[in-house]
Amino acid sequence: MQWGAFATFFVIGFGVSLISWLYAKDLLAYYGIGIFLGFVTNLIVRFAGVAVGGKLGEGLLEISAFRADGK
């Protein structure tokens, strides 16, 4: 079985059903606002950590960095 194809199908089905349910309940706007606020908060925390520097800034950069050596 192609698990990637199955997972894609499942995610699309779940996403469509979730969006349909939110739209029917008039909650789609609140869901979108929540995603937007989460994204903006993530950016603010990352920028603040980098601006502060020290271990906090280094930690955020290490978390977001892709290391080719697998470490």
PDB file of N, CA and C in Angstrom:
ATOM      1  N   MET A   1       0.835  -1.181   0.000  1.00  0.00           N
ATOM      2  CA  MET A   1       0.000   0.000   0.000  1.00  0.00           C
ATOM      3  C   MET A   1       0.875   1.237   0.000  1.00  0.00           C
ATOM      4  N   GLN A   2       0.455   2.238  -0.738  1.00  0.00           N
ATOM      5  CA  GLN A   2       1.165   3.507  -0.795  1.00  0.00           C
ATOM      6  C   GLN A   2       0.679   4.380   0.372  1.00  0.00           C
ATOM      7  N   TRP A   3       1.446   4.395   1.449  1.00  0.00           N
ATOM      8  CA  TRP A   3       1.013   5.116   2.644  1.00  0.00           C
ATOM      9  C   TRP A   3       0.965   6.617   2.423  1.00  0.00           C
ATOM     10  N   GLY A   4       1.846   7.148   1.579  1.00  0.00           N
ATOM     11  CA  GLY A   4       1.816   8.581   1.293  1.00  0.00           C
ATOM     12  C   GLY A   4       0.521   8.980   0.608  1.00  0.00           C
ATOM     13  N   ALA A   5       0.081   8.155  -0.333  1.00  0.00           N
ATOM     14  CA  ALA A   5      -1.171   8.436  -1.037  1.00  0.00           C
ATOM     15  C   ALA A   5      -2.357   8.314  -0.077  1.00  0.00           C
ATOM     16  N   PHE A   6      -2.326   7.305   0.771  1.00  0.00           N
ATOM     17  CA  PHE A   6      -3.395   7.122   1.744  1.00  0.00           C
ATOM     18  C   PHE A   6      -3.454   8.294   2.715  1.00  0.00           C
ATOM     19  N   ALA A   7      -2.286   8.727   3.191  1.00  0.00           N
ATOM     20  CA  ALA A   7      -2.238   9.857   4.126  1.00  0.00           C
ATOM     21  C   ALA A   7      -2.737  11.131   3.460  1.00  0.00           C
ATOM     22  N   THR A   8      -2.371  11.343   2.196  1.00  0.00           N
ATOM     23  CA  THR A   8      -2.837  12.520   1.470  1.00  0.00           C
ATOM     24  C   THR A   8      -4.345  12.499   1.326  1.00  0.00           C
ATOM     25  N   PHE A   9      -4.886  11.363   0.961  1.00  0.00           N
ATOM     26  CA  PHE A   9      -6.329  11.223   0.819  1.00  0.00           C
ATOM     27  C   PHE A   9      -7.029  11.480   2.148  1.00  0.00           C
ATOM     28  N   PHE A  10      -6.475  10.937   3.223  1.00  0.00           N
ATOM     29  CA  PHE A  10      -7.064  11.112   4.547  1.00  0.00           C
ATOM     30  C   PHE A  10      -7.032  12.571   4.972  1.00  0.00           C
ATOM     31  N   VAL A  11      -5.899  13.237   4.752  1.00  0.00           N
ATOM     32  CA  VAL A  11      -5.757  14.641   5.148  1.00  0.00           C
ATOM     33  C   VAL A  11      -6.716  15.519   4.357  1.00  0.00           C
ATOM     34  N   ILE A  12      -6.844  15.271   3.051  1.00  0.00           N
ATOM     35  CA  ILE A  12      -7.765  16.060   2.231  1.00  0.00           C
ATOM     36  C   ILE A  12      -9.202  15.828   2.691  1.00  0.00           C
ATOM     37  N   GLY A  13      -9.558  14.578   2.922  1.00  0.00           N
ATOM     38  CA  GLY A  13     -10.909  14.278   3.390  1.00  0.00           C
ATOM     39  C   GLY A  13     -11.200  14.910   4.736  1.00  0.00           C
ATOM     40  N   PHE A  14     -10.242  14.820   5.650  1.00  0.00           N
ATOM     41  CA  PHE A  14     -10.426  15.424   6.966  1.00  0.00           C
ATOM     42  C   PHE A  14     -10.526  16.936   6.862  1.00  0.00           C
ATOM     43  N   GLY A  15      -9.647  17.537   6.042  1.00  0.00           N
ATOM     44  CA  GLY A  15      -9.660  18.993   5.880  1.00  0.00           C
ATOM     45  C   GLY A  15     -10.958  19.497   5.281  1.00  0.00           C
ATOM     46  N   VAL A  16     -11.445  18.806   4.254  1.00  0.00           N
ATOM     47  CA  VAL A  16     -12.702  19.219   3.617  1.00  0.00           C
ATOM     48  C   VAL A  16     -13.863  19.070   4.588  1.00  0.00           C
ATOM     49  N   SER A  17     -13.894  17.965   5.328  1.00  0.00           N
ATOM     50  CA  SER A  17     -14.988  17.783   6.280  1.00  0.00           C
ATOM     51  C   SER A  17     -14.916  18.817   7.401  1.00  0.00           C
ATOM     52  N   LEU A  18     -13.705  19.146   7.863  1.00  0.00           N
ATOM     53  CA  LEU A  18     -13.551  20.146   8.908  1.00  0.00           C
ATOM     54  C   LEU A  18     -13.992  21.515   8.410  1.00  0.00           C
ATOM     55  N   ILE A  19     -13.568  21.887   7.212  1.00  0.00           N
ATOM     56  CA  ILE A  19     -13.956  23.182   6.649  1.00  0.00           C
ATOM     57  C   ILE A  19     -15.464  23.232   6.427  1.00  0.00           C
ATOM     58  N   SER A  20     -16.035  22.135   5.940  1.00  0.00           N
ATOM     59  CA  SER A  20     -17.485  22.102   5.739  1.00  0.00           C
ATOM     60  C   SER A  20     -18.222  22.257   7.064  1.00  0.00           C
ATOM     61  N   TRP A  21     -17.747  21.585   8.107  1.00  0.00           N
ATOM     62  CA  TRP A  21     -18.393  21.688   9.412  1.00  0.00           C
ATOM     63  C   TRP A  21     -18.265  23.098   9.972  1.00  0.00           C
ATOM     64  N   LEU A  22     -17.071  23.695   9.840  1.00  0.00           N
ATOM     65  CA  LEU A  22     -16.871  25.052  10.337  1.00  0.00           C
ATOM     66  C   LEU A  22     -17.732  26.051   9.576  1.00  0.00           C
ATOM     67  N   TYR A  23     -17.851  25.846   8.266  1.00  0.00           N
ATOM     68  CA  TYR A  23     -18.671  26.751   7.459  1.00  0.00           C
ATOM     69  C   TYR A  23     -20.147  26.628   7.841  1.00  0.00           C
ATOM     70  N   ALA A  24     -20.591  25.415   8.085  1.00  0.00           N
ATOM     71  CA  ALA A  24     -21.990  25.198   8.450  1.00  0.00           C
ATOM     72  C   ALA A  24     -22.301  25.808   9.815  1.00  0.00           C
ATOM     73  N   LYS A  25     -21.331  25.821  10.691  1.00  0.00           N
ATOM     74  CA  LYS A  25     -21.535  26.365  12.033  1.00  0.00           C
ATOM     75  C   LYS A  25     -21.143  27.845  12.119  1.00  0.00           C
ATOM     76  N   ASP A  26     -20.770  28.464  10.998  1.00  0.00           N
ATOM     77  CA  ASP A  26     -20.320  29.861  10.955  1.00  0.00           C
ATOM     78  C   ASP A  26     -19.075  30.082  11.821  1.00  0.00           C
ATOM     79  N   LEU A  27     -18.210  29.087  11.881  1.00  0.00           N
ATOM     80  CA  LEU A  27     -16.986  29.198  12.684  1.00  0.00           C
ATOM     81  C   LEU A  27     -15.732  29.326  11.822  1.00  0.00           C
ATOM     82  N   LEU A  28     -15.899  29.314  10.502  1.00  0.00           N
ATOM     83  CA  LEU A  28     -14.729  29.312   9.616  1.00  0.00           C
ATOM     84  C   LEU A  28     -13.882  30.569   9.810  1.00  0.00           C
ATOM     85  N   ALA A  29     -14.518  31.717  10.000  1.00  0.00           N
ATOM     86  CA  ALA A  29     -13.773  32.955  10.193  1.00  0.00           C
ATOM     87  C   ALA A  29     -12.947  32.887  11.478  1.00  0.00           C
ATOM     88  N   TYR A  30     -13.520  32.343  12.547  1.00  0.00           N
ATOM     89  CA  TYR A  30     -12.784  32.238  13.806  1.00  0.00           C
ATOM     90  C   TYR A  30     -11.605  31.273  13.680  1.00  0.00           C
ATOM     91  N   TYR A  31     -11.789  30.210  12.940  1.00  0.00           N
ATOM     92  CA  TYR A  31     -10.716  29.244  12.706  1.00  0.00           C
ATOM     93  C   TYR A  31      -9.561  29.914  11.955  1.00  0.00           C
ATOM     94  N   GLY A  32      -9.901  30.676  10.922  1.00  0.00           N
ATOM     95  CA  GLY A  32      -8.885  31.400  10.153  1.00  0.00           C
ATOM     96  C   GLY A  32      -8.172  32.437  10.993  1.00  0.00           C
ATOM     97  N   ILE A  33      -8.910  33.146  11.833  1.00  0.00           N
ATOM     98  CA  ILE A  33      -8.295  34.149  12.707  1.00  0.00           C
ATOM     99  C   ILE A  33      -7.343  33.470  13.691  1.00  0.00           C
ATOM    100  N   GLY A  34      -7.725  32.311  14.199  1.00  0.00           N
ATOM    101  CA  GLY A  34      -6.851  31.579  15.117  1.00  0.00           C
ATOM    102  C   GLY A  34      -5.555  31.148  14.451  1.00  0.00           C
ATOM    103  N   ILE A  35      -5.636  30.669  13.223  1.00  0.00           N
ATOM    104  CA  ILE A  35      -4.427  30.273  12.487  1.00  0.00           C
ATOM    105  C   ILE A  35      -3.532  31.488  12.265  1.00  0.00           C
ATOM    106  N   PHE A  36      -4.139  32.608  11.862  1.00  0.00           N
ATOM    107  CA  PHE A  36      -3.364  33.827  11.613  1.00  0.00           C
ATOM    108  C   PHE A  36      -2.681  34.313  12.886  1.00  0.00           C
ATOM    109  N   LEU A  37      -3.413  34.343  14.001  1.00  0.00           N
ATOM    110  CA  LEU A  37      -2.820  34.800  15.254  1.00  0.00           C
ATOM    111  C   LEU A  37      -1.698  33.873  15.722  1.00  0.00           C
ATOM    112  N   GLY A  38      -1.868  32.568  15.532  1.00  0.00           N
ATOM    113  CA  GLY A  38      -0.808  31.628  15.880  1.00  0.00           C
ATOM    114  C   GLY A  38       0.449  31.841  15.055  1.00  0.00           C
ATOM    115  N   PHE A  39       0.273  32.107  13.772  1.00  0.00           N
ATOM    116  CA  PHE A  39       1.408  32.354  12.882  1.00  0.00           C
ATOM    117  C   PHE A  39       2.141  33.631  13.273  1.00  0.00           C
ATOM    118  N   VAL A  40       1.377  34.698  13.516  1.00  0.00           N
ATOM    119  CA  VAL A  40       1.990  35.970  13.890  1.00  0.00           C
ATOM    120  C   VAL A  40       2.705  35.860  15.241  1.00  0.00           C
ATOM    121  N   THR A  41       2.099  35.165  16.194  1.00  0.00           N
ATOM    122  CA  THR A  41       2.729  34.980  17.499  1.00  0.00           C
ATOM    123  C   THR A  41       4.026  34.203  17.371  1.00  0.00           C
ATOM    124  N   ASN A  42       4.036  33.188  16.522  1.00  0.00           N
ATOM    125  CA  ASN A  42       5.257  32.410  16.288  1.00  0.00           C
ATOM    126  C   ASN A  42       6.363  33.304  15.738  1.00  0.00           C
ATOM    127  N   LEU A  43       6.027  34.173  14.780  1.00  0.00           N
ATOM    128  CA  LEU A  43       7.033  35.079  14.216  1.00  0.00           C
ATOM    129  C   LEU A  43       7.559  36.049  15.269  1.00  0.00           C
ATOM    130  N   ILE A  44       6.653  36.595  16.092  1.00  0.00           N
ATOM    131  CA  ILE A  44       7.071  37.553  17.121  1.00  0.00           C
ATOM    132  C   ILE A  44       8.023  36.888  18.117  1.00  0.00           C
ATOM    133  N   VAL A  45       7.699  35.672  18.541  1.00  0.00           N
ATOM    134  CA  VAL A  45       8.559  34.966  19.497  1.00  0.00           C
ATOM    135  C   VAL A  45       9.920  34.675  18.883  1.00  0.00           C
ATOM    136  N   ARG A  46       9.939  34.275  17.627  1.00  0.00           N
ATOM    137  CA  ARG A  46      11.226  33.997  16.971  1.00  0.00           C
ATOM    138  C   ARG A  46      12.065  35.259  16.840  1.00  0.00           C
ATOM    139  N   PHE A  47      11.451  36.347  16.373  1.00  0.00           N
ATOM    140  CA  PHE A  47      12.208  37.588  16.208  1.00  0.00           C
ATOM    141  C   PHE A  47      12.685  38.131  17.542  1.00  0.00           C
ATOM    142  N   ALA A  48      11.858  38.032  18.573  1.00  0.00           N
ATOM    143  CA  ALA A  48      12.264  38.507  19.898  1.00  0.00           C
ATOM    144  C   ALA A  48      13.437  37.680  20.429  1.00  0.00           C
ATOM    145  N   GLY A  49      13.390  36.377  20.233  1.00  0.00           N
ATOM    146  CA  GLY A  49      14.480  35.521  20.689  1.00  0.00           C
ATOM    147  C   GLY A  49      15.781  35.811  19.987  1.00  0.00           C
ATOM    148  N   VAL A  50      15.706  36.074  18.694  1.00  0.00           N
ATOM    149  CA  VAL A  50      16.918  36.391  17.941  1.00  0.00           C
ATOM    150  C   VAL A  50      17.437  37.770  18.337  1.00  0.00           C
ATOM    151  N   ALA A  51      16.531  38.729  18.557  1.00  0.00           N
ATOM    152  CA  ALA A  51      16.948  40.077  18.938  1.00  0.00           C
ATOM    153  C   ALA A  51      17.599  40.091  20.320  1.00  0.00           C
ATOM    154  N   VAL A  52      17.065  39.280  21.255  1.00  0.00           N
ATOM    155  CA  VAL A  52      17.635  39.211  22.595  1.00  0.00           C
ATOM    156  C   VAL A  52      19.019  38.577  22.537  1.00  0.00           C
ATOM    157  N   GLY A  53      19.163  37.603  21.665  1.00  0.00           N
ATOM    158  CA  GLY A  53      20.456  36.943  21.512  1.00  0.00           C
ATOM    159  C   GLY A  53      20.714  35.964  22.633  1.00  0.00           C
ATOM    160  N   GLY A  54      21.973  35.683  22.844  1.00  0.00           N
ATOM    161  CA  GLY A  54      22.346  34.742  23.896  1.00  0.00           C
ATOM    162  C   GLY A  54      21.843  33.349  23.591  1.00  0.00           C
ATOM    163  N   LYS A  55      21.612  32.575  24.643  1.00  0.00           N
ATOM    164  CA  LYS A  55      21.169  31.190  24.475  1.00  0.00           C
ATOM    165  C   LYS A  55      19.766  31.111  23.886  1.00  0.00           C
ATOM    166  N   LEU A  56      18.900  32.065  24.231  1.00  0.00           N
ATOM    167  CA  LEU A  56      17.542  32.038  23.714  1.00  0.00           C
ATOM    168  C   LEU A  56      17.543  32.186  22.199  1.00  0.00           C
ATOM    169  N   GLY A  57      18.277  33.152  21.694  1.00  0.00           N
ATOM    170  CA  GLY A  57      18.353  33.351  20.254  1.00  0.00           C
ATOM    171  C   GLY A  57      19.011  32.187  19.542  1.00  0.00           C
ATOM    172  N   GLU A  58      20.077  31.654  20.135  1.00  0.00           N
ATOM    173  CA  GLU A  58      20.765  30.518  19.522  1.00  0.00           C
ATOM    174  C   GLU A  58      19.862  29.295  19.464  1.00  0.00           C
ATOM    175  N   GLY A  59      19.085  29.087  20.535  1.00  0.00           N
ATOM    176  CA  GLY A  59      18.193  27.937  20.573  1.00  0.00           C
ATOM    177  C   GLY A  59      17.159  27.987  19.471  1.00  0.00           C
ATOM    178  N   LEU A  60      16.571  29.158  19.249  1.00  0.00           N
ATOM    179  CA  LEU A  60      15.579  29.282  18.187  1.00  0.00           C
ATOM    180  C   LEU A  60      16.204  29.082  16.818  1.00  0.00           C
ATOM    181  N   LEU A  61      17.412  29.592  16.637  1.00  0.00           N
ATOM    182  CA  LEU A  61      18.072  29.401  15.350  1.00  0.00           C
ATOM    183  C   LEU A  61      18.428  27.937  15.129  1.00  0.00           C
ATOM    184  N   GLU A  62      18.846  27.248  16.188  1.00  0.00           N
ATOM    185  CA  GLU A  62      19.174  25.831  16.050  1.00  0.00           C
ATOM    186  C   GLU A  62      17.941  24.995  15.760  1.00  0.00           C
ATOM    187  N   ILE A  63      16.829  25.341  16.389  1.00  0.00           N
ATOM    188  CA  ILE A  63      15.604  24.598  16.138  1.00  0.00           C
ATOM    189  C   ILE A  63      15.186  24.723  14.681  1.00  0.00           C
ATOM    190  N   SER A  64      15.307  25.928  14.108  1.00  0.00           N
ATOM    191  CA  SER A  64      14.822  26.173  12.759  1.00  0.00           C
ATOM    192  C   SER A  64      15.866  25.828  11.694  1.00  0.00           C
ATOM    193  N   ALA A  65      17.097  25.533  12.086  1.00  0.00           N
ATOM    194  CA  ALA A  65      18.152  25.277  11.117  1.00  0.00           C
ATOM    195  C   ALA A  65      18.107  23.832  10.633  1.00  0.00           C
ATOM    196  N   PHE A  66      18.439  23.646   9.379  1.00  0.00           N
ATOM    197  CA  PHE A  66      18.548  22.306   8.805  1.00  0.00           C
ATOM    198  C   PHE A  66      20.024  21.941   8.790  1.00  0.00           C
ATOM    199  N   ARG A  67      20.333  20.834   9.428  1.00  0.00           N
ATOM    200  CA  ARG A  67      21.725  20.416   9.490  1.00  0.00           C
ATOM    201  C   ARG A  67      21.928  19.221   8.586  1.00  0.00           C
ATOM    202  N   ALA A  68      22.857  19.344   7.684  1.00  0.00           N
ATOM    203  CA  ALA A  68      23.103  18.283   6.702  1.00  0.00           C
ATOM    204  C   ALA A  68      23.780  17.070   7.336  1.00  0.00           C
ATOM    205  N   ASP A  69      24.489  17.257   8.465  1.00  0.00           N
ATOM    206  CA  ASP A  69      25.193  16.136   9.071  1.00  0.00           C
ATOM    207  C   ASP A  69      24.307  15.267   9.946  1.00  0.00           C
ATOM    208  N   GLY A  70      23.017  15.632  10.074  1.00  0.00           N
ATOM    209  CA  GLY A  70      22.072  14.799  10.810  1.00  0.00           C
ATOM    210  C   GLY A  70      22.111  14.961  12.312  1.00  0.00           C
ATOM    211  N   LYS A  71      22.876  15.910  12.812  1.00  0.00           N
ATOM    212  CA  LYS A  71      22.975  16.124  14.257  1.00  0.00           C
ATOM    213  C   LYS A  71      22.027  17.209  14.697  1.00  0.00           C
TER     214      LYS A  71
END
